[in-house]
């Protein structure tokens, strides 16, 4: 169980989405719950984090 970066409620790790918040010249990694994703998606400062997987 991990906490949502916005509301602070605990959710299973699989339910949280990793998103990057751009603020000024800095980027912050946030874990967002399904309820807060609807709010965050309308904010242009948040982007989904895409992780590249290496084969091998």
C-alpha atoms as a PDB file:
ATOM      1  CA  UNK A   1       0.000   0.000   0.000  1.00  0.00           C
ATOM      2  CA  UNK A   2       1.288   3.439  -0.939  1.00  0.00           C
ATOM      3  CA  UNK A   3      -0.088   6.929  -0.510  1.00  0.00           C
ATOM      4  CA  UNK A   4      -1.412   9.126  -3.283  1.00  0.00           C
ATOM      5  CA  UNK A   5       0.698  12.271  -3.687  1.00  0.00           C
ATOM      6  CA  UNK A   6      -2.416  14.461  -3.983  1.00  0.00           C
ATOM      7  CA  UNK A   7      -4.991  13.223  -1.434  1.00  0.00           C
ATOM      8  CA  UNK A   8      -2.771  11.109   0.836  1.00  0.00           C
ATOM      9  CA  UNK A   9      -5.076   8.054   0.867  1.00  0.00           C
ATOM     10  CA  UNK A  10      -3.511   4.616   0.717  1.00  0.00           C
ATOM     11  CA  UNK A  11      -4.003   2.476  -2.399  1.00  0.00           C
ATOM     12  CA  UNK A  12      -2.416  -0.722  -3.737  1.00  0.00           C
ATOM     13  CA  UNK A  13       0.686   0.065  -5.756  1.00  0.00           C
ATOM     14  CA  UNK A  14      -0.901  -1.295  -8.956  1.00  0.00           C
ATOM     15  CA  UNK A  15      -3.734   1.263  -8.744  1.00  0.00           C
ATOM     16  CA  UNK A  16      -1.419   4.280  -8.594  1.00  0.00           C
ATOM     17  CA  UNK A  17      -0.123   5.853 -11.800  1.00  0.00           C
ATOM     18  CA  UNK A  18       3.309   7.419 -11.904  1.00  0.00           C
ATOM     19  CA  UNK A  19       3.154  10.981 -13.199  1.00  0.00           C
ATOM     20  CA  UNK A  20       5.715  13.738 -13.532  1.00  0.00           C
ATOM     21  CA  UNK A  21       4.853  17.241 -12.371  1.00  0.00           C
ATOM     22  CA  UNK A  22       6.758  20.071 -14.041  1.00  0.00           C
ATOM     23  CA  UNK A  23       7.098  23.111 -11.809  1.00  0.00           C
ATOM     24  CA  UNK A  24       9.375  25.853 -13.047  1.00  0.00           C
ATOM     25  CA  UNK A  25      12.641  24.184 -13.973  1.00  0.00           C
ATOM     26  CA  UNK A  26      12.113  21.159 -11.736  1.00  0.00           C
ATOM     27  CA  UNK A  27      10.316  17.845 -12.241  1.00  0.00           C
ATOM     28  CA  UNK A  28       8.737  15.840  -9.434  1.00  0.00           C
ATOM     29  CA  UNK A  29       7.650  12.198  -9.525  1.00  0.00           C
ATOM     30  CA  UNK A  30       4.158  11.726  -8.078  1.00  0.00           C
ATOM     31  CA  UNK A  31       1.982   8.660  -7.636  1.00  0.00           C
ATOM     32  CA  UNK A  32      -1.636   9.523  -8.393  1.00  0.00           C
ATOM     33  CA  UNK A  33      -4.730   7.487  -7.403  1.00  0.00           C
ATOM     34  CA  UNK A  34      -7.644   6.887  -9.814  1.00  0.00           C
ATOM     35  CA  UNK A  35      -9.817   9.509  -8.088  1.00  0.00           C
ATOM     36  CA  UNK A  36      -7.196  12.252  -8.408  1.00  0.00           C
ATOM     37  CA  UNK A  37      -6.293  11.371 -12.009  1.00  0.00           C
ATOM     38  CA  UNK A  38      -9.462  13.069 -13.259  1.00  0.00           C
ATOM     39  CA  UNK A  39      -8.309  16.315 -11.632  1.00  0.00           C
ATOM     40  CA  UNK A  40      -4.676  16.017 -12.686  1.00  0.00           C
ATOM     41  CA  UNK A  41      -5.439  15.210 -16.347  1.00  0.00           C
ATOM     42  CA  UNK A  42      -6.824  18.731 -16.793  1.00  0.00           C
ATOM     43  CA  UNK A  43      -3.612  20.234 -15.453  1.00  0.00           C
ATOM     44  CA  UNK A  44      -0.958  20.866 -18.168  1.00  0.00           C
ATOM     45  CA  UNK A  45       1.868  20.516 -15.608  1.00  0.00           C
ATOM     46  CA  UNK A  46       1.357  16.738 -15.193  1.00  0.00           C
ATOM     47  CA  UNK A  47       2.520  14.033 -17.606  1.00  0.00           C
ATOM     48  CA  UNK A  48       2.412  10.231 -17.455  1.00  0.00           C
ATOM     49  CA  UNK A  49       5.795   8.659 -16.785  1.00  0.00           C
ATOM     50  CA  UNK A  50       6.826   6.205 -19.468  1.00  0.00           C
ATOM     51  CA  UNK A  51       9.439   3.679 -18.437  1.00  0.00           C
ATOM     52  CA  UNK A  52      11.523   2.033 -21.130  1.00  0.00           C
ATOM     53  CA  UNK A  53      12.118  -1.677 -20.639  1.00  0.00           C
ATOM     54  CA  UNK A  54      15.358  -3.157 -21.919  1.00  0.00           C
ATOM     55  CA  UNK A  55      15.353  -6.604 -23.461  1.00  0.00           C
ATOM     56  CA  UNK A  56      18.083  -8.852 -22.365  1.00  0.00           C
END
